[in-house]
């Protein structure tokens, strides 16, 4: 069973992602901060990481870089409210495999995760 790590400081967003991913056959782990995400990724080596950009303590860009260094095979899907070109560019530079805005989440998230996991 593939493993997905959901990283978002918003409980509701994590629950929505957990419900979608569980229904798609993923075992899920959750973190509310970038630092928690790095620790969980190092321990569990997830197949896919759903990463919010804007979080307290450590943002998703920093956490993505660290996770990709620790678990190079993990594919990171940025899930964020921003569609700004600069954010997309920074996410890609940090090692994100895909970028999904939160308004696309219900429609496109599972497809983006599955695509990223098979890269």
C-alpha atoms as a PDB file:
ATOM      1  CA  UNK A   1       0.000   0.000   0.000  1.00  0.00           C
ATOM      2  CA  UNK A   2       1.492   3.373  -0.972  1.00  0.00           C
ATOM      3  CA  UNK A   3       2.142   5.900   1.799  1.00  0.00           C
ATOM      4  CA  UNK A   4       1.241   9.596   1.593  1.00  0.00           C
ATOM      5  CA  UNK A   5       2.400  12.244   4.048  1.00  0.00           C
ATOM      6  CA  UNK A   6      -0.036  15.166   4.327  1.00  0.00           C
ATOM      7  CA  UNK A   7       1.574  18.408   5.536  1.00  0.00           C
ATOM      8  CA  UNK A   8      -0.697  21.365   6.284  1.00  0.00           C
ATOM      9  CA  UNK A   9      -1.194  23.537   9.353  1.00  0.00           C
ATOM     10  CA  UNK A  10      -4.967  23.488   8.785  1.00  0.00           C
ATOM     11  CA  UNK A  11      -6.798  20.510  10.332  1.00  0.00           C
ATOM     12  CA  UNK A  12      -9.649  20.695   7.817  1.00  0.00           C
ATOM     13  CA  UNK A  13      -7.314  20.595   4.832  1.00  0.00           C
ATOM     14  CA  UNK A  14      -5.486  17.588   6.289  1.00  0.00           C
ATOM     15  CA  UNK A  15      -8.790  15.795   6.885  1.00  0.00           C
ATOM     16  CA  UNK A  16      -9.978  16.443   3.328  1.00  0.00           C
ATOM     17  CA  UNK A  17      -6.706  15.146   1.881  1.00  0.00           C
ATOM     18  CA  UNK A  18      -6.740  12.147   4.244  1.00  0.00           C
ATOM     19  CA  UNK A  19     -10.272  11.211   3.185  1.00  0.00           C
ATOM     20  CA  UNK A  20      -9.429  11.534  -0.524  1.00  0.00           C
ATOM     21  CA  UNK A  21      -6.209   9.561  -0.238  1.00  0.00           C
ATOM     22  CA  UNK A  22      -7.604   6.836   1.990  1.00  0.00           C
ATOM     23  CA  UNK A  23     -10.351   6.333  -0.559  1.00  0.00           C
ATOM     24  CA  UNK A  24      -7.684   6.018  -3.268  1.00  0.00           C
ATOM     25  CA  UNK A  25      -5.846   3.270  -1.368  1.00  0.00           C
ATOM     26  CA  UNK A  26      -3.112   5.258   0.406  1.00  0.00           C
ATOM     27  CA  UNK A  27      -1.992   4.834   3.989  1.00  0.00           C
ATOM     28  CA  UNK A  28      -1.702   8.381   5.324  1.00  0.00           C
ATOM     29  CA  UNK A  29       0.514  10.181   7.804  1.00  0.00           C
ATOM     30  CA  UNK A  30      -0.049  13.776   8.891  1.00  0.00           C
ATOM     31  CA  UNK A  31       2.103  16.707   9.985  1.00  0.00           C
ATOM     32  CA  UNK A  32       1.141  20.269  10.882  1.00  0.00           C
ATOM     33  CA  UNK A  33       4.620  21.776  10.410  1.00  0.00           C
ATOM     34  CA  UNK A  34       7.544  21.411   8.073  1.00  0.00           C
ATOM     35  CA  UNK A  35       9.754  20.161  10.911  1.00  0.00           C
ATOM     36  CA  UNK A  36       7.252  17.412  11.779  1.00  0.00           C
ATOM     37  CA  UNK A  37       7.070  16.486   8.105  1.00  0.00           C
ATOM     38  CA  UNK A  38      10.832  16.058   7.822  1.00  0.00           C
ATOM     39  CA  UNK A  39      10.907  13.768  10.858  1.00  0.00           C
ATOM     40  CA  UNK A  40       7.991  11.651   9.598  1.00  0.00           C
ATOM     41  CA  UNK A  41       9.412  11.459   6.078  1.00  0.00           C
ATOM     42  CA  UNK A  42      12.789  10.297   7.395  1.00  0.00           C
ATOM     43  CA  UNK A  43      11.139   7.628   9.541  1.00  0.00           C
ATOM     44  CA  UNK A  44       8.446   6.340   7.150  1.00  0.00           C
ATOM     45  CA  UNK A  45       9.837   7.155   3.668  1.00  0.00           C
ATOM     46  CA  UNK A  46       6.491   8.063   2.059  1.00  0.00           C
ATOM     47  CA  UNK A  47       5.862   7.594  -1.639  1.00  0.00           C
ATOM     48  CA  UNK A  48       4.139  10.976  -1.913  1.00  0.00           C
ATOM     49  CA  UNK A  49       4.166  14.114   0.223  1.00  0.00           C
ATOM     50  CA  UNK A  50       1.356  16.687  -0.038  1.00  0.00           C
ATOM     51  CA  UNK A  51       2.969  19.926   1.074  1.00  0.00           C
ATOM     52  CA  UNK A  52       1.357  23.264   1.852  1.00  0.00           C
ATOM     53  CA  UNK A  53       3.626  26.240   1.127  1.00  0.00           C
ATOM     54  CA  UNK A  54       2.507  28.648   3.863  1.00  0.00           C
ATOM     55  CA  UNK A  55       3.081  27.199   7.324  1.00  0.00           C
ATOM     56  CA  UNK A  56       4.472  28.572  10.577  1.00  0.00           C
ATOM     57  CA  UNK A  57       7.995  27.725  11.786  1.00  0.00           C
ATOM     58  CA  UNK A  58       9.222  26.246   8.471  1.00  0.00           C
ATOM     59  CA  UNK A  59       7.499  26.826   5.162  1.00  0.00           C
ATOM     60  CA  UNK A  60       6.755  24.129   2.619  1.00  0.00           C
ATOM     61  CA  UNK A  61       9.593  25.153   0.308  1.00  0.00           C
ATOM     62  CA  UNK A  62      12.211  24.599   3.021  1.00  0.00           C
ATOM     63  CA  UNK A  63      10.571  21.365   4.132  1.00  0.00           C
ATOM     64  CA  UNK A  64      10.404  20.100   0.538  1.00  0.00           C
ATOM     65  CA  UNK A  65      14.145  20.642   0.057  1.00  0.00           C
ATOM     66  CA  UNK A  66      14.922  18.797   3.281  1.00  0.00           C
ATOM     67  CA  UNK A  67      12.582  15.885   2.513  1.00  0.00           C
ATOM     68  CA  UNK A  68      13.956  15.480  -1.012  1.00  0.00           C
ATOM     69  CA  UNK A  69      17.479  15.382   0.494  1.00  0.00           C
ATOM     70  CA  UNK A  70      16.438  12.780   3.093  1.00  0.00           C
ATOM     71  CA  UNK A  71      14.102  10.685   0.929  1.00  0.00           C
ATOM     72  CA  UNK A  72      15.014  11.308  -2.727  1.00  0.00           C
ATOM     73  CA  UNK A  73      12.425   8.872  -4.092  1.00  0.00           C
ATOM     74  CA  UNK A  74       9.547  10.701  -2.347  1.00  0.00           C
ATOM     75  CA  UNK A  75       7.493  12.786  -4.752  1.00  0.00           C
ATOM     76  CA  UNK A  76       6.274  16.108  -3.367  1.00  0.00           C
ATOM     77  CA  UNK A  77       2.996  17.610  -4.539  1.00  0.00           C
ATOM     78  CA  UNK A  78       2.647  21.235  -3.463  1.00  0.00           C
ATOM     79  CA  UNK A  79      -0.925  21.980  -2.390  1.00  0.00           C
ATOM     80  CA  UNK A  80      -1.462  25.683  -1.842  1.00  0.00           C
ATOM     81  CA  UNK A  81      -3.826  28.591  -2.193  1.00  0.00           C
ATOM     82  CA  UNK A  82      -1.354  30.494  -4.367  1.00  0.00           C
ATOM     83  CA  UNK A  83      -1.059  30.187  -8.125  1.00  0.00           C
ATOM     84  CA  UNK A  84       1.659  32.878  -8.259  1.00  0.00           C
ATOM     85  CA  UNK A  85       4.343  32.141 -10.832  1.00  0.00           C
ATOM     86  CA  UNK A  86       7.071  32.796  -8.246  1.00  0.00           C
ATOM     87  CA  UNK A  87       5.601  30.202  -5.862  1.00  0.00           C
ATOM     88  CA  UNK A  88       5.369  27.607  -8.627  1.00  0.00           C
ATOM     89  CA  UNK A  89       8.969  28.294  -9.615  1.00  0.00           C
ATOM     90  CA  UNK A  90      10.243  28.091  -6.013  1.00  0.00           C
ATOM     91  CA  UNK A  91       8.336  24.832  -5.481  1.00  0.00           C
ATOM     92  CA  UNK A  92       9.831  23.270  -8.607  1.00  0.00           C
ATOM     93  CA  UNK A  93      13.325  24.457  -7.622  1.00  0.00           C
ATOM     94  CA  UNK A  94      12.886  22.826  -4.212  1.00  0.00           C
ATOM     95  CA  UNK A  95      12.073  19.498  -5.865  1.00  0.00           C
ATOM     96  CA  UNK A  96       8.274  19.433  -6.086  1.00  0.00           C
ATOM     97  CA  UNK A  97       6.951  17.052  -8.732  1.00  0.00           C
ATOM     98  CA  UNK A  98       3.573  18.753  -9.066  1.00  0.00           C
ATOM     99  CA  UNK A  99       1.724  21.881  -7.974  1.00  0.00           C
ATOM    100  CA  UNK A 100      -2.007  21.939  -7.191  1.00  0.00           C
ATOM    101  CA  UNK A 101      -3.960  24.950  -5.969  1.00  0.00           C
ATOM    102  CA  UNK A 102      -6.469  24.331  -3.202  1.00  0.00           C
ATOM    103  CA  UNK A 103      -9.369  25.286  -5.461  1.00  0.00           C
ATOM    104  CA  UNK A 104      -8.427  22.288  -7.619  1.00  0.00           C
ATOM    105  CA  UNK A 105      -8.070  19.916  -4.679  1.00  0.00           C
ATOM    106  CA  UNK A 106     -11.263  17.898  -4.992  1.00  0.00           C
ATOM    107  CA  UNK A 107     -11.001  17.623  -8.759  1.00  0.00           C
ATOM    108  CA  UNK A 108      -7.309  17.204  -9.434  1.00  0.00           C
ATOM    109  CA  UNK A 109      -5.472  16.178  -6.266  1.00  0.00           C
ATOM    110  CA  UNK A 110      -5.694  12.403  -6.545  1.00  0.00           C
ATOM    111  CA  UNK A 111      -4.713  12.528 -10.227  1.00  0.00           C
ATOM    112  CA  UNK A 112      -1.666  14.727  -9.441  1.00  0.00           C
ATOM    113  CA  UNK A 113      -0.572  12.440  -6.617  1.00  0.00           C
ATOM    114  CA  UNK A 114      -0.889   9.314  -8.710  1.00  0.00           C
ATOM    115  CA  UNK A 115       0.998  10.981 -11.563  1.00  0.00           C
ATOM    116  CA  UNK A 116       3.772  12.092  -9.195  1.00  0.00           C
ATOM    117  CA  UNK A 117       4.029   8.654  -7.594  1.00  0.00           C
ATOM    118  CA  UNK A 118       4.603   6.975 -10.955  1.00  0.00           C
ATOM    119  CA  UNK A 119       7.349   9.350 -12.138  1.00  0.00           C
END
